[in-house]
Structures are given as C-alpha cells and as structure tokens.
Amino acid sequence: MGLTKEKLLLTVQHYKNILNKEKEQFAVALKNQISNNIDAKTLDIKRLQDKIEENQREIEQLHKEQVIIGQEIENIKQSLDVSQSKN
C-alpha cells in the first residue's frame, strides 16, 4: 500500500482534471462578469440618451411658453398704451 508510480500519476491526473474544471468555471464566470458589465454600461448609455432627449423636449416646450408669454406681455403693453392714451 505504498506510493507507486501508477498511484502518483493517477493523483497528478486527478488534480490536473480538477484544475482544468476550475479553469473552465473561472473562464465562464469571467465571461459572464464582462458581459454583465457591458450590458450595464449599455443600459446606462441608453438611459442617459433618453434623459438628453427628454431634456431637449422640455427645453423646446419652455421656449414655446416663453414666446407665448412674450406675446402676452406685448399685448398687455399695447392695451395699456391704448388705455393710457385715452386718458
């Protein structure tokens, strides 16, 4: 029951198989981690692009409101001028 060349070779092969399996599992885990990071960054990009578009629409809406308010101010000024000229 001592150590023989055959037992030693079998033990070496057994540990090589374990290491190969661990290497494969690590490669899969690494690939998944990289994929998850890329997916997360892709989602961040999409979210930020959507936010830019939303902000642009809001800016356009505020600009339209500003034009309308400016027109209302001019109408009120004209009305005021007319009223003051009658007095």
Protein backbone atom coordinates (compact mmCIF):
# COMPACT_ATOMS: atom_id res chain seq x y z
CA MET A 1 0.00 0.00 0.00
CA GLY A 2 2.85 2.31 -0.61
CA LEU A 3 3.27 5.03 -3.13
CA THR A 4 3.66 3.69 -6.62
CA LYS A 5 4.36 5.41 -9.87
CA GLU A 6 0.89 4.49 -11.09
CA LYS A 7 -0.83 5.95 -7.99
CA LEU A 8 1.26 9.08 -8.26
CA LEU A 9 0.35 9.51 -11.93
CA LEU A 10 -3.33 8.92 -11.17
CA THR A 11 -3.20 11.53 -8.40
CA VAL A 12 -1.48 14.01 -10.70
CA GLN A 13 -4.09 13.40 -13.40
CA HIS A 14 -6.89 13.77 -10.84
CA TYR A 15 -5.60 17.18 -9.73
CA LYS A 16 -5.00 18.25 -13.33
CA ASN A 17 -8.64 17.44 -14.06
CA ILE A 18 -9.75 19.47 -11.03
CA LEU A 19 -7.61 22.41 -12.12
CA ASN A 20 -8.93 22.23 -15.68
CA LYS A 21 -12.51 22.19 -14.40
CA GLU A 22 -11.78 25.20 -12.15
CA LYS A 23 -10.14 26.98 -15.09
CA GLU A 24 -13.23 26.41 -17.23
CA GLN A 25 -15.55 27.60 -14.46
CA PHE A 26 -13.41 30.69 -13.95
CA ALA A 27 -13.46 31.45 -17.68
CA VAL A 28 -17.26 31.17 -17.74
CA ALA A 29 -17.59 33.38 -14.64
CA LEU A 30 -15.23 35.96 -16.14
CA LYS A 31 -17.13 35.97 -19.43
CA ASN A 32 -20.42 36.44 -17.56
CA GLN A 33 -18.95 39.25 -15.45
CA ILE A 34 -17.64 41.06 -18.53
CA SER A 35 -20.96 40.57 -20.29
CA ASN A 36 -22.88 41.91 -17.28
CA ASN A 37 -20.62 44.96 -17.08
CA ILE A 38 -21.07 45.66 -20.78
CA ASP A 39 -24.84 45.20 -20.52
CA ALA A 40 -24.97 47.53 -17.51
CA LYS A 41 -22.97 50.19 -19.32
CA THR A 42 -25.12 49.80 -22.42
CA LEU A 43 -28.22 50.33 -20.29
CA ASP A 44 -26.60 53.39 -18.68
CA ILE A 45 -25.87 54.84 -22.11
CA LYS A 46 -29.47 54.26 -23.22
CA ARG A 47 -30.82 55.81 -20.00
CA LEU A 48 -28.64 58.89 -20.40
CA GLN A 49 -29.53 59.28 -24.07
CA ASP A 50 -33.21 59.09 -23.16
CA LYS A 51 -32.66 61.74 -20.48
CA ILE A 52 -30.98 64.03 -23.02
CA GLU A 53 -33.93 63.62 -25.39
CA GLU A 54 -36.39 64.30 -22.57
CA ASN A 55 -34.46 67.42 -21.56
CA GLN A 56 -34.39 68.61 -25.17
CA ARG A 57 -38.17 68.24 -25.44
CA GLU A 58 -38.57 70.14 -22.18
CA ILE A 59 -36.29 72.93 -23.43
CA GLU A 60 -38.36 73.21 -26.62
CA GLN A 61 -41.57 73.33 -24.61
CA LEU A 62 -40.18 76.03 -22.32
CA HIS A 63 -39.05 78.04 -25.33
CA LYS A 64 -42.56 77.87 -26.81
CA GLU A 65 -44.02 79.01 -23.48
CA GLN A 66 -41.51 81.85 -23.37
CA VAL A 67 -42.59 83.03 -26.83
CA ILE A 68 -46.28 82.89 -25.84
CA ILE A 69 -45.63 84.80 -22.61
CA GLY A 70 -43.63 87.38 -24.54
CA GLN A 71 -46.59 87.84 -26.90
CA GLU A 72 -48.94 88.20 -23.95
CA ILE A 73 -46.68 90.85 -22.45
CA GLU A 74 -46.69 92.78 -25.74
CA ASN A 75 -50.49 92.53 -25.96
CA ILE A 76 -50.86 93.82 -22.41
CA LYS A 77 -48.41 96.67 -23.08
CA GLN A 78 -50.35 97.66 -26.22
CA SER A 79 -53.59 97.54 -24.31
CA LEU A 80 -52.05 99.62 -21.55
CA ASP A 81 -50.74 102.15 -24.05
CA VAL A 82 -54.19 102.43 -25.62
CA SER A 83 -55.79 102.87 -22.21
CA GLN A 84 -53.26 105.49 -21.15
CA SER A 85 -53.60 107.42 -24.40
CA LYS A 86 -57.38 107.63 -23.91
CA ASN A 87 -56.92 109.26 -20.53
